[in-house]
PDB file of N, CA and C in Angstrom:
ATOM      1  N   MET A   1      28.497  13.613  39.565  1.00  0.00           N
ATOM      2  CA  MET A   1      28.297  13.094  40.808  1.00  0.00           C
ATOM      3  C   MET A   1      29.223  11.868  41.048  1.00  0.00           C
ATOM      4  N   ILE A   2      29.838  11.951  42.077  1.00  0.00           N
ATOM      5  CA  ILE A   2      30.851  11.000  42.556  1.00  0.00           C
ATOM      6  C   ILE A   2      30.095  10.124  43.741  1.00  0.00           C
ATOM      7  N   ALA A   3      29.896   8.882  43.680  1.00  0.00           N
ATOM      8  CA  ALA A   3      29.264   8.175  44.866  1.00  0.00           C
ATOM      9  C   ALA A   3      30.154   7.394  45.487  1.00  0.00           C
ATOM     10  N   PHE A   4      30.090   7.224  46.765  1.00  0.00           N
ATOM     11  CA  PHE A   4      30.820   6.369  47.660  1.00  0.00           C
ATOM     12  C   PHE A   4      29.987   5.068  48.039  1.00  0.00           C
ATOM     13  N   SER A   5      30.568   4.083  48.523  1.00  0.00           N
ATOM     14  CA  SER A   5      29.746   2.987  49.058  1.00  0.00           C
ATOM     15  C   SER A   5      28.852   3.224  50.058  1.00  0.00           C
ATOM     16  N   ALA A   6      27.610   2.693  50.023  1.00  0.00           N
ATOM     17  CA  ALA A   6      26.569   2.811  50.990  1.00  0.00           C
ATOM     18  C   ALA A   6      27.143   2.307  52.336  1.00  0.00           C
ATOM     19  N   CYS A   7      26.741   2.911  53.259  1.00  0.00           N
ATOM     20  CA  CYS A   7      27.142   2.479  54.787  1.00  0.00           C
ATOM     21  C   CYS A   7      25.894   2.528  55.546  1.00  0.00           C
ATOM     22  N   SER A   8      25.298   1.197  55.872  1.00  0.00           N
ATOM     23  CA  SER A   8      24.211   1.038  56.649  1.00  0.00           C
ATOM     24  C   SER A   8      23.137   1.591  55.851  1.00  0.00           C
ATOM     25  N   ASP A   9      22.190   2.459  56.465  1.00  0.00           N
ATOM     26  CA  ASP A   9      21.113   3.038  55.834  1.00  0.00           C
ATOM     27  C   ASP A   9      21.582   4.273  55.060  1.00  0.00           C
ATOM     28  N   PHE A  10      22.712   4.639  54.999  1.00  0.00           N
ATOM     29  CA  PHE A  10      23.017   6.002  54.430  1.00  0.00           C
ATOM     30  C   PHE A  10      24.018   5.755  53.460  1.00  0.00           C
ATOM     31  N   SER A  11      24.010   6.733  52.269  1.00  0.00           N
ATOM     32  CA  SER A  11      25.139   6.732  51.228  1.00  0.00           C
ATOM     33  C   SER A  11      25.649   8.169  51.207  1.00  0.00           C
ATOM     34  N   ALA A  12      26.907   8.344  50.902  1.00  0.00           N
ATOM     35  CA  ALA A  12      27.460   9.542  50.711  1.00  0.00           C
ATOM     36  C   ALA A  12      28.007   9.884  49.328  1.00  0.00           C
ATOM     37  N   TYR A  13      27.878  10.999  48.851  1.00  0.00           N
ATOM     38  CA  TYR A  13      28.298  11.372  47.561  1.00  0.00           C
ATOM     39  C   TYR A  13      28.870  12.691  47.297  1.00  0.00           C
ATOM     40  N   VAL A  14      29.455  13.026  46.282  1.00  0.00           N
ATOM     41  CA  VAL A  14      29.893  14.386  45.992  1.00  0.00           C
ATOM     42  C   VAL A  14      29.113  14.738  44.856  1.00  0.00           C
ATOM     43  N   ASP A  15      28.752  15.951  44.663  1.00  0.00           N
ATOM     44  CA  ASP A  15      27.966  16.428  43.574  1.00  0.00           C
ATOM     45  C   ASP A  15      28.676  17.917  43.230  1.00  0.00           C
ATOM     46  N   ILE A  16      28.959  18.110  41.875  1.00  0.00           N
ATOM     47  CA  ILE A  16      29.546  19.135  41.450  1.00  0.00           C
ATOM     48  C   ILE A  16      28.695  19.922  40.547  1.00  0.00           C
ATOM     49  N   ASP A  17      28.426  21.167  40.917  1.00  0.00           N
ATOM     50  CA  ASP A  17      27.470  22.017  40.341  1.00  0.00           C
ATOM     51  C   ASP A  17      28.297  23.444  40.074  1.00  0.00           C
ATOM     52  N   GLY A  18      28.896  23.521  38.828  1.00  0.00           N
ATOM     53  CA  GLY A  18      29.527  24.772  38.605  1.00  0.00           C
ATOM     54  C   GLY A  18      30.829  24.755  39.385  1.00  0.00           C
ATOM     55  N   ASP A  19      31.015  25.750  40.136  1.00  0.00           N
ATOM     56  CA  ASP A  19      32.143  25.843  41.195  1.00  0.00           C
ATOM     57  C   ASP A  19      31.796  25.197  42.308  1.00  0.00           C
ATOM     58  N   ASP A  20      30.563  24.967  42.690  1.00  0.00           N
ATOM     59  CA  ASP A  20      30.162  24.362  44.053  1.00  0.00           C
ATOM     60  C   ASP A  20      30.423  23.116  44.040  1.00  0.00           C
ATOM     61  N   LEU A  21      30.970  22.511  45.169  1.00  0.00           N
ATOM     62  CA  LEU A  21      31.346  21.163  45.448  1.00  0.00           C
ATOM     63  C   LEU A  21      30.490  20.812  46.657  1.00  0.00           C
ATOM     64  N   HIS A  22      29.493  19.867  46.603  1.00  0.00           N
ATOM     65  CA  HIS A  22      28.658  19.560  47.580  1.00  0.00           C
ATOM     66  C   HIS A  22      29.109  18.012  48.039  1.00  0.00           C
ATOM     67  N   TRP A  23      29.187  18.016  49.328  1.00  0.00           N
ATOM     68  CA  TRP A  23      29.404  16.640  50.059  1.00  0.00           C
ATOM     69  C   TRP A  23      27.964  16.497  50.675  1.00  0.00           C
ATOM     70  N   ILE A  24      27.384  15.310  50.319  1.00  0.00           N
ATOM     71  CA  ILE A  24      26.020  14.883  50.753  1.00  0.00           C
ATOM     72  C   ILE A  24      25.739  13.651  51.151  1.00  0.00           C
ATOM     73  N   VAL A  25      25.006  13.567  52.360  1.00  0.00           N
ATOM     74  CA  VAL A  25      24.798  12.143  52.744  1.00  0.00           C
ATOM     75  C   VAL A  25      23.296  12.081  52.882  1.00  0.00           C
ATOM     76  N   ALA A  26      22.938  10.926  52.429  1.00  0.00           N
ATOM     77  CA  ALA A  26      21.462  10.744  52.189  1.00  0.00           C
ATOM     78  C   ALA A  26      21.008   9.464  52.657  1.00  0.00           C
ATOM     79  N   GLU A  27      19.752   9.312  53.246  1.00  0.00           N
ATOM     80  CA  GLU A  27      19.048   8.117  53.659  1.00  0.00           C
ATOM     81  C   GLU A  27      19.021   7.203  52.400  1.00  0.00           C
ATOM     82  N   ARG A  28      18.579   6.130  52.667  1.00  0.00           N
ATOM     83  CA  ARG A  28      18.429   4.992  51.648  1.00  0.00           C
ATOM     84  C   ARG A  28      17.327   5.597  50.762  1.00  0.00           C
ATOM     85  N   ALA A  29      16.268   6.126  51.324  1.00  0.00           N
ATOM     86  CA  ALA A  29      15.051   6.624  50.598  1.00  0.00           C
ATOM     87  C   ALA A  29      15.402   7.924  49.826  1.00  0.00           C
ATOM     88  N   GLY A  30      16.607   8.433  49.995  1.00  0.00           N
ATOM     89  CA  GLY A  30      17.000   9.761  49.345  1.00  0.00           C
ATOM     90  C   GLY A  30      16.930  10.995  50.060  1.00  0.00           C
ATOM     91  N   ARG A  31      16.490  10.958  51.158  1.00  0.00           N
ATOM     92  CA  ARG A  31      16.379  12.161  51.958  1.00  0.00           C
ATOM     93  C   ARG A  31      17.697  12.536  52.465  1.00  0.00           C
ATOM     94  N   GLU A  32      18.164  13.958  52.197  1.00  0.00           N
ATOM     95  CA  GLU A  32      19.394  14.364  52.589  1.00  0.00           C
ATOM     96  C   GLU A  32      19.399  14.595  54.149  1.00  0.00           C
ATOM     97  N   VAL A  33      20.493  14.126  54.839  1.00  0.00           N
ATOM     98  CA  VAL A  33      20.720  14.224  56.206  1.00  0.00           C
ATOM     99  C   VAL A  33      21.947  15.114  56.389  1.00  0.00           C
ATOM    100  N   LYS A  34      22.766  15.383  55.548  1.00  0.00           N
ATOM    101  CA  LYS A  34      23.776  16.169  55.695  1.00  0.00           C
ATOM    102  C   LYS A  34      24.333  16.730  54.279  1.00  0.00           C
ATOM    103  N   ARG A  35      24.716  18.214  54.301  1.00  0.00           N
ATOM    104  CA  ARG A  35      25.136  18.596  52.961  1.00  0.00           C
ATOM    105  C   ARG A  35      26.120  19.720  53.331  1.00  0.00           C
ATOM    106  N   ARG A  36      27.349  19.689  52.906  1.00  0.00           N
ATOM    107  CA  ARG A  36      28.276  20.759  53.092  1.00  0.00           C
ATOM    108  C   ARG A  36      28.628  21.254  51.602  1.00  0.00           C
ATOM    109  N   THR A  37      28.929  22.489  51.546  1.00  0.00           N
ATOM    110  CA  THR A  37      29.256  23.128  50.254  1.00  0.00           C
ATOM    111  C   THR A  37      30.377  23.939  50.250  1.00  0.00           C
ATOM    112  N   THR A  38      31.365  23.756  49.284  1.00  0.00           N
ATOM    113  CA  THR A  38      32.492  24.573  49.184  1.00  0.00           C
ATOM    114  C   THR A  38      32.775  24.848  47.756  1.00  0.00           C
ATOM    115  N   ASP A  39      33.758  25.835  47.431  1.00  0.00           N
ATOM    116  CA  ASP A  39      34.289  25.972  46.143  1.00  0.00           C
ATOM    117  C   ASP A  39      35.789  25.644  46.194  1.00  0.00           C
ATOM    118  N   SER A  40      36.125  25.064  47.372  1.00  0.00           N
ATOM    119  CA  SER A  40      37.524  24.671  47.460  1.00  0.00           C
ATOM    120  C   SER A  40      37.916  23.182  47.480  1.00  0.00           C
ATOM    121  N   LEU A  41      38.629  22.636  46.450  1.00  0.00           N
ATOM    122  CA  LEU A  41      38.868  21.244  46.245  1.00  0.00           C
ATOM    123  C   LEU A  41      39.795  20.807  47.589  1.00  0.00           C
ATOM    124  N   ASP A  42      40.528  21.599  47.945  1.00  0.00           N
ATOM    125  CA  ASP A  42      41.280  21.167  49.168  1.00  0.00           C
ATOM    126  C   ASP A  42      40.302  20.974  50.448  1.00  0.00           C
ATOM    127  N   GLU A  43      39.333  21.842  50.563  1.00  0.00           N
ATOM    128  CA  GLU A  43      38.432  21.700  51.776  1.00  0.00           C
ATOM    129  C   GLU A  43      37.684  20.325  51.455  1.00  0.00           C
ATOM    130  N   LEU A  44      37.103  20.206  50.340  1.00  0.00           N
ATOM    131  CA  LEU A  44      36.345  19.061  50.002  1.00  0.00           C
ATOM    132  C   LEU A  44      37.128  17.707  50.290  1.00  0.00           C
ATOM    133  N   MET A  45      38.495  17.691  49.903  1.00  0.00           N
ATOM    134  CA  MET A  45      39.315  16.529  50.022  1.00  0.00           C
ATOM    135  C   MET A  45      39.512  16.293  51.602  1.00  0.00           C
ATOM    136  N   HIS A  46      39.748  17.424  52.362  1.00  0.00           N
ATOM    137  CA  HIS A  46      39.663  17.550  53.916  1.00  0.00           C
ATOM    138  C   HIS A  46      38.457  16.687  54.529  1.00  0.00           C
ATOM    139  N   TRP A  47      37.421  17.033  54.040  1.00  0.00           N
ATOM    140  CA  TRP A  47      36.061  16.457  54.483  1.00  0.00           C
ATOM    141  C   TRP A  47      35.993  14.983  54.207  1.00  0.00           C
ATOM    142  N   LEU A  48      36.385  14.803  52.914  1.00  0.00           N
ATOM    143  CA  LEU A  48      36.518  13.276  52.484  1.00  0.00           C
ATOM    144  C   LEU A  48      37.450  12.564  53.432  1.00  0.00           C
ATOM    145  N   ALA A  49      38.524  13.032  53.538  1.00  0.00           N
ATOM    146  CA  ALA A  49      39.639  12.218  54.262  1.00  0.00           C
ATOM    147  C   ALA A  49      39.106  12.053  55.721  1.00  0.00           C
ATOM    148  N   VAL A  50      38.466  13.117  56.470  1.00  0.00           N
ATOM    149  CA  VAL A  50      37.975  12.922  57.830  1.00  0.00           C
ATOM    150  C   VAL A  50      36.878  11.850  57.753  1.00  0.00           C
ATOM    151  N   GLU A  51      35.952  11.775  56.856  1.00  0.00           N
ATOM    152  CA  GLU A  51      34.974  10.920  56.797  1.00  0.00           C
ATOM    153  C   GLU A  51      35.582   9.425  56.566  1.00  0.00           C
ATOM    154  N   VAL A  52      36.452   9.219  55.585  1.00  0.00           N
ATOM    155  CA  VAL A  52      37.024   7.974  55.457  1.00  0.00           C
ATOM    156  C   VAL A  52      38.074   7.364  56.456  1.00  0.00           C
ATOM    157  N   THR A  53      38.792   8.396  57.068  1.00  0.00           N
ATOM    158  CA  THR A  53      39.556   8.012  58.137  1.00  0.00           C
ATOM    159  C   THR A  53      38.659   7.595  59.519  1.00  0.00           C
ATOM    160  N   PHE A  54      37.627   8.112  59.516  1.00  0.00           N
ATOM    161  CA  PHE A  54      36.742   7.788  60.736  1.00  0.00           C
ATOM    162  C   PHE A  54      36.292   6.422  60.643  1.00  0.00           C
ATOM    163  N   ASP A  55      35.843   6.108  59.141  1.00  0.00           N
ATOM    164  CA  ASP A  55      35.425   4.689  58.930  1.00  0.00           C
ATOM    165  C   ASP A  55      36.300   3.757  59.176  1.00  0.00           C
ATOM    166  N   MET A  56      37.643   3.956  58.805  1.00  0.00           N
ATOM    167  CA  MET A  56      38.856   3.106  58.875  1.00  0.00           C
ATOM    168  C   MET A  56      39.260   2.986  60.260  1.00  0.00           C
ATOM    169  N   ALA A  57      39.104   3.969  61.220  1.00  0.00           N
ATOM    170  CA  ALA A  57      39.425   3.963  62.483  1.00  0.00           C
ATOM    171  C   ALA A  57      38.385   3.028  63.159  1.00  0.00           C
ATOM    172  N   ARG A  58      37.188   3.064  62.811  1.00  0.00           N
ATOM    173  CA  ARG A  58      36.158   2.323  63.349  1.00  0.00           C
ATOM    174  C   ARG A  58      36.363   0.860  62.921  1.00  0.00           C
ATOM    175  N   ALA A  59      36.778   0.707  61.838  1.00  0.00           N
ATOM    176  CA  ALA A  59      36.945  -0.651  61.379  1.00  0.00           C
ATOM    177  C   ALA A  59      38.167  -1.259  62.076  1.00  0.00           C
ATOM    178  N   TRP A  60      39.333  -0.489  62.154  1.00  0.00           N
ATOM    179  CA  TRP A  60      40.419  -0.909  63.037  1.00  0.00           C
ATOM    180  C   TRP A  60      39.851  -1.361  64.575  1.00  0.00           C
ATOM    181  N   GLY A  61      39.218  -0.511  65.248  1.00  0.00           N
ATOM    182  CA  GLY A  61      38.692  -0.860  66.485  1.00  0.00           C
ATOM    183  C   GLY A  61      37.822  -2.085  66.601  1.00  0.00           C
ATOM    184  N   MET A  62      37.039  -2.485  65.653  1.00  0.00           N
ATOM    185  CA  MET A  62      36.419  -3.592  65.584  1.00  0.00           C
ATOM    186  C   MET A  62      37.361  -4.907  65.386  1.00  0.00           C
ATOM    187  N   LYS A  63      38.380  -4.727  64.553  1.00  0.00           N
ATOM    188  CA  LYS A  63      39.358  -5.747  64.401  1.00  0.00           C
ATOM    189  C   LYS A  63      40.013  -6.011  65.508  1.00  0.00           C
ATOM    190  N   GLN A  64      40.476  -4.835  66.268  1.00  0.00           N
ATOM    191  CA  GLN A  64      41.126  -5.090  67.454  1.00  0.00           C
ATOM    192  C   GLN A  64      40.371  -5.635  68.615  1.00  0.00           C
ATOM    193  N   ARG A  65      39.205  -5.343  68.677  1.00  0.00           N
ATOM    194  CA  ARG A  65      38.207  -6.262  69.445  1.00  0.00           C
ATOM    195  C   ARG A  65      38.127  -7.620  69.347  1.00  0.00           C
ATOM    196  N   ASN A  66      38.089  -7.861  68.056  1.00  0.00           N
ATOM    197  CA  ASN A  66      37.976  -9.418  67.793  1.00  0.00           C
ATOM    198  C   ASN A  66      39.549 -10.081  68.029  1.00  0.00           C
ATOM    199  N   LEU A  67      40.455  -9.491  67.735  1.00  0.00           N
ATOM    200  CA  LEU A  67      41.994 -10.034  68.107  1.00  0.00           C
ATOM    201  C   LEU A  67      42.129 -10.092  69.382  1.00  0.00           C
ATOM    202  N   PHE A  68      41.964  -8.926  70.313  1.00  0.00           N
ATOM    203  CA  PHE A  68      42.263  -9.006  71.548  1.00  0.00           C
ATOM    204  C   PHE A  68      41.048  -8.669  72.277  1.00  0.00           C
ATOM    205  N   PRO A  69      40.133  -9.781  72.710  1.00  0.00           N
ATOM    206  CA  PRO A  69      38.980  -9.428  73.290  1.00  0.00           C
ATOM    207  C   PRO A  69      39.043  -9.071  74.794  1.00  0.00           C
ATOM    208  N   GLU A  70      40.264  -9.329  75.367  1.00  0.00           N
ATOM    209  CA  GLU A  70      40.432  -8.830  76.748  1.00  0.00           C
ATOM    210  C   GLU A  70      40.641  -7.328  76.806  1.00  0.00           C
ATOM    211  N   ARG A  71      41.009  -6.691  75.682  1.00  0.00           N
ATOM    212  CA  ARG A  71      41.354  -5.260  75.683  1.00  0.00           C
ATOM    213  C   ARG A  71      40.109  -4.425  75.064  1.00  0.00           C
ATOM    214  N   GLU A  72      39.772  -3.537  76.002  1.00  0.00           N
ATOM    215  CA  GLU A  72      38.747  -2.578  75.537  1.00  0.00           C
ATOM    216  C   GLU A  72      39.231  -1.500  74.557  1.00  0.00           C
ATOM    217  N   VAL A  73      38.680  -1.338  73.538  1.00  0.00           N
ATOM    218  CA  VAL A  73      39.030  -0.320  72.545  1.00  0.00           C
ATOM    219  C   VAL A  73      38.062   0.907  72.722  1.00  0.00           C
ATOM    220  N   THR A  74      38.688   2.040  73.140  1.00  0.00           N
ATOM    221  CA  THR A  74      37.855   3.208  73.522  1.00  0.00           C
ATOM    222  C   THR A  74      37.541   4.149  72.207  1.00  0.00           C
ATOM    223  N   GLY A  75      36.871   5.053  72.444  1.00  0.00           N
ATOM    224  CA  GLY A  75      36.534   6.078  71.452  1.00  0.00           C
ATOM    225  C   GLY A  75      37.811   6.861  71.399  1.00  0.00           C
ATOM    226  N   THR A  76      38.543   6.984  72.429  1.00  0.00           N
ATOM    227  CA  THR A  76      39.870   7.861  72.447  1.00  0.00           C
ATOM    228  C   THR A  76      40.986   7.008  71.619  1.00  0.00           C
ATOM    229  N   ASP A  77      40.912   5.728  71.668  1.00  0.00           N
ATOM    230  CA  ASP A  77      41.794   4.851  70.851  1.00  0.00           C
ATOM    231  C   ASP A  77      41.533   4.997  69.355  1.00  0.00           C
ATOM    232  N   ARG A  78      40.205   5.055  69.058  1.00  0.00           N
ATOM    233  CA  ARG A  78      39.668   5.181  67.539  1.00  0.00           C
ATOM    234  C   ARG A  78      40.082   6.593  67.060  1.00  0.00           C
ATOM    235  N   LEU A  79      39.909   7.664  67.930  1.00  0.00           N
ATOM    236  CA  LEU A  79      40.342   8.965  67.565  1.00  0.00           C
ATOM    237  C   LEU A  79      41.771   8.992  67.415  1.00  0.00           C
ATOM    238  N   ALA A  80      42.630   8.312  68.225  1.00  0.00           N
ATOM    239  CA  ALA A  80      43.972   8.347  67.960  1.00  0.00           C
ATOM    240  C   ALA A  80      44.543   7.697  66.702  1.00  0.00           C
ATOM    241  N   LYS A  81      43.688   6.641  66.340  1.00  0.00           N
ATOM    242  CA  LYS A  81      44.023   5.865  65.025  1.00  0.00           C
ATOM    243  C   LYS A  81      43.524   6.889  63.971  1.00  0.00           C
ATOM    244  N   GLN A  82      42.476   7.591  63.834  1.00  0.00           N
ATOM    245  CA  GLN A  82      42.115   8.414  62.890  1.00  0.00           C
ATOM    246  C   GLN A  82      43.114   9.559  62.806  1.00  0.00           C
ATOM    247  N   VAL A  83      43.613  10.205  63.822  1.00  0.00           N
ATOM    248  CA  VAL A  83      44.736  10.980  63.583  1.00  0.00           C
ATOM    249  C   VAL A  83      45.770  10.487  63.098  1.00  0.00           C
ATOM    250  N   GLU A  84      46.268   9.295  63.321  1.00  0.00           N
ATOM    251  CA  GLU A  84      47.380   8.725  62.756  1.00  0.00           C
ATOM    252  C   GLU A  84      47.223   8.540  61.108  1.00  0.00           C
ATOM    253  N   LEU A  85      46.076   8.087  60.890  1.00  0.00           N
ATOM    254  CA  LEU A  85      45.663   7.911  59.309  1.00  0.00           C
ATOM    255  C   LEU A  85      45.726   9.273  58.635  1.00  0.00           C
ATOM    256  N   LEU A  86      45.166  10.302  59.251  1.00  0.00           N
ATOM    257  CA  LEU A  86      45.091  11.605  58.683  1.00  0.00           C
ATOM    258  C   LEU A  86      46.493  12.128  58.602  1.00  0.00           C
ATOM    259  N   ARG A  87      47.487  11.830  59.559  1.00  0.00           N
ATOM    260  CA  ARG A  87      48.797  12.330  59.463  1.00  0.00           C
ATOM    261  C   ARG A  87      49.466  11.835  58.132  1.00  0.00           C
ATOM    262  N   ARG A  88      49.174  10.585  57.631  1.00  0.00           N
ATOM    263  CA  ARG A  88      49.768   9.970  56.579  1.00  0.00           C
ATOM    264  C   ARG A  88      49.350  10.823  55.311  1.00  0.00           C
ATOM    265  N   LEU A  89      48.031  11.346  55.397  1.00  0.00           N
ATOM    266  CA  LEU A  89      47.627  12.080  54.159  1.00  0.00           C
ATOM    267  C   LEU A  89      48.035  13.598  54.113  1.00  0.00           C
ATOM    268  N   ASP A  90      48.022  14.339  55.420  1.00  0.00           N
ATOM    269  CA  ASP A  90      48.291  15.603  55.343  1.00  0.00           C
ATOM    270  C   ASP A  90      48.348  16.016  56.900  1.00  0.00           C
ATOM    271  N   GLY A  91      49.609  16.471  57.418  1.00  0.00           N
ATOM    272  CA  GLY A  91      49.832  16.698  58.699  1.00  0.00           C
ATOM    273  C   GLY A  91      48.920  17.874  59.226  1.00  0.00           C
ATOM    274  N   SER A  92      48.659  18.746  58.434  1.00  0.00           N
ATOM    275  CA  SER A  92      47.643  19.935  59.126  1.00  0.00           C
ATOM    276  C   SER A  92      46.174  19.294  59.239  1.00  0.00           C
ATOM    277  N   TRP A  93      45.782  18.314  58.486  1.00  0.00           N
ATOM    278  CA  TRP A  93      44.483  17.715  58.738  1.00  0.00           C
ATOM    279  C   TRP A  93      44.590  16.949  60.179  1.00  0.00           C
ATOM    280  N   ALA A  94      45.660  16.352  60.399  1.00  0.00           N
ATOM    281  CA  ALA A  94      45.860  15.364  61.593  1.00  0.00           C
ATOM    282  C   ALA A  94      45.714  16.565  62.781  1.00  0.00           C
ATOM    283  N   ALA A  95      46.586  17.586  62.589  1.00  0.00           N
ATOM    284  CA  ALA A  95      46.659  18.531  63.736  1.00  0.00           C
ATOM    285  C   ALA A  95      45.190  19.111  64.095  1.00  0.00           C
ATOM    286  N   GLN A  96      44.498  19.432  63.127  1.00  0.00           N
ATOM    287  CA  GLN A  96      43.158  19.912  63.171  1.00  0.00           C
ATOM    288  C   GLN A  96      42.126  18.884  63.996  1.00  0.00           C
ATOM    289  N   ALA A  97      42.210  17.738  63.466  1.00  0.00           N
ATOM    290  CA  ALA A  97      41.656  16.585  64.167  1.00  0.00           C
ATOM    291  C   ALA A  97      42.040  16.443  65.509  1.00  0.00           C
ATOM    292  N   GLN A  98      43.239  16.474  65.871  1.00  0.00           N
ATOM    293  CA  GLN A  98      43.783  16.366  67.264  1.00  0.00           C
ATOM    294  C   GLN A  98      43.256  17.579  68.176  1.00  0.00           C
ATOM    295  N   ALA A  99      43.366  18.702  67.550  1.00  0.00           N
ATOM    296  CA  ALA A  99      42.769  19.985  68.240  1.00  0.00           C
ATOM    297  C   ALA A  99      41.450  19.641  68.618  1.00  0.00           C
ATOM    298  N   GLN A 100      40.569  19.373  67.687  1.00  0.00           N
ATOM    299  CA  GLN A 100      39.216  19.214  67.922  1.00  0.00           C
ATOM    300  C   GLN A 100      38.977  18.090  69.020  1.00  0.00           C
ATOM    301  N   HIS A 101      39.704  17.082  68.938  1.00  0.00           N
ATOM    302  CA  HIS A 101      39.447  16.012  69.949  1.00  0.00           C
ATOM    303  C   HIS A 101      39.859  16.453  71.224  1.00  0.00           C
ATOM    304  N   ASP A 102      41.012  17.313  71.437  1.00  0.00           N
ATOM    305  CA  ASP A 102      41.444  17.867  72.749  1.00  0.00           C
ATOM    306  C   ASP A 102      40.571  18.690  73.277  1.00  0.00           C
ATOM    307  N   ASP A 103      39.949  19.647  72.355  1.00  0.00           N
ATOM    308  CA  ASP A 103      38.844  20.470  72.717  1.00  0.00           C
ATOM    309  C   ASP A 103      37.614  19.821  73.398  1.00  0.00           C
ATOM    310  N   ALA A 104      37.182  18.699  72.705  1.00  0.00           N
ATOM    311  CA  ALA A 104      35.992  18.189  73.121  1.00  0.00           C
ATOM    312  C   ALA A 104      36.228  17.386  74.339  1.00  0.00           C
ATOM    313  N   TYR A 105      37.447  16.747  74.395  1.00  0.00           N
ATOM    314  CA  TYR A 105      37.854  16.148  75.806  1.00  0.00           C
ATOM    315  C   TYR A 105      37.930  16.982  76.870  1.00  0.00           C
ATOM    316  N   SER A 106      38.378  18.134  76.656  1.00  0.00           N
ATOM    317  CA  SER A 106      38.451  19.126  77.740  1.00  0.00           C
ATOM    318  C   SER A 106      37.287  19.579  78.394  1.00  0.00           C
ATOM    319  N   HIS A 107      36.237  19.479  77.468  1.00  0.00           N
ATOM    320  CA  HIS A 107      34.830  19.947  77.794  1.00  0.00           C
ATOM    321  C   HIS A 107      33.980  18.725  78.562  1.00  0.00           C
ATOM    322  N   ALA A 108      34.574  17.675  78.442  1.00  0.00           N
ATOM    323  CA  ALA A 108      33.842  16.452  78.983  1.00  0.00           C
ATOM    324  C   ALA A 108      33.880  16.390  80.499  1.00  0.00           C
ATOM    325  N   PHE A 109      34.759  17.233  81.087  1.00  0.00           N
ATOM    326  CA  PHE A 109      34.689  17.228  82.509  1.00  0.00           C
ATOM    327  C   PHE A 109      34.387  18.515  83.102  1.00  0.00           C
ATOM    328  N   ASP A 110      33.760  19.370  82.243  1.00  0.00           N
ATOM    329  CA  ASP A 110      33.186  20.733  82.761  1.00  0.00           C
ATOM    330  C   ASP A 110      32.046  20.537  83.620  1.00  0.00           C
TER     331      ASP A 110
END
């Protein structure tokens, strides 16, 4: 098991069971709230990168808010930052995140 730092009331970790790689998010009390399973290390690394860059983009947004209180940091700003961070890791991960963002944004006005 590979644990990540706890965030709020949840903690995330990776559990390896034979060929299965599990990404698990659990409440402080231990109840699982999210589980994804794959046998692909690349897919697992993608999931982890998306989660970590999301947290990094959220922290960036908070810092921007403190540095520039007159400027509103939007969800679109944070998603753009996440795509930028993912691009540093893997261009295809960034393209996938951008496509998901574009798709969600296009449905916002349906």
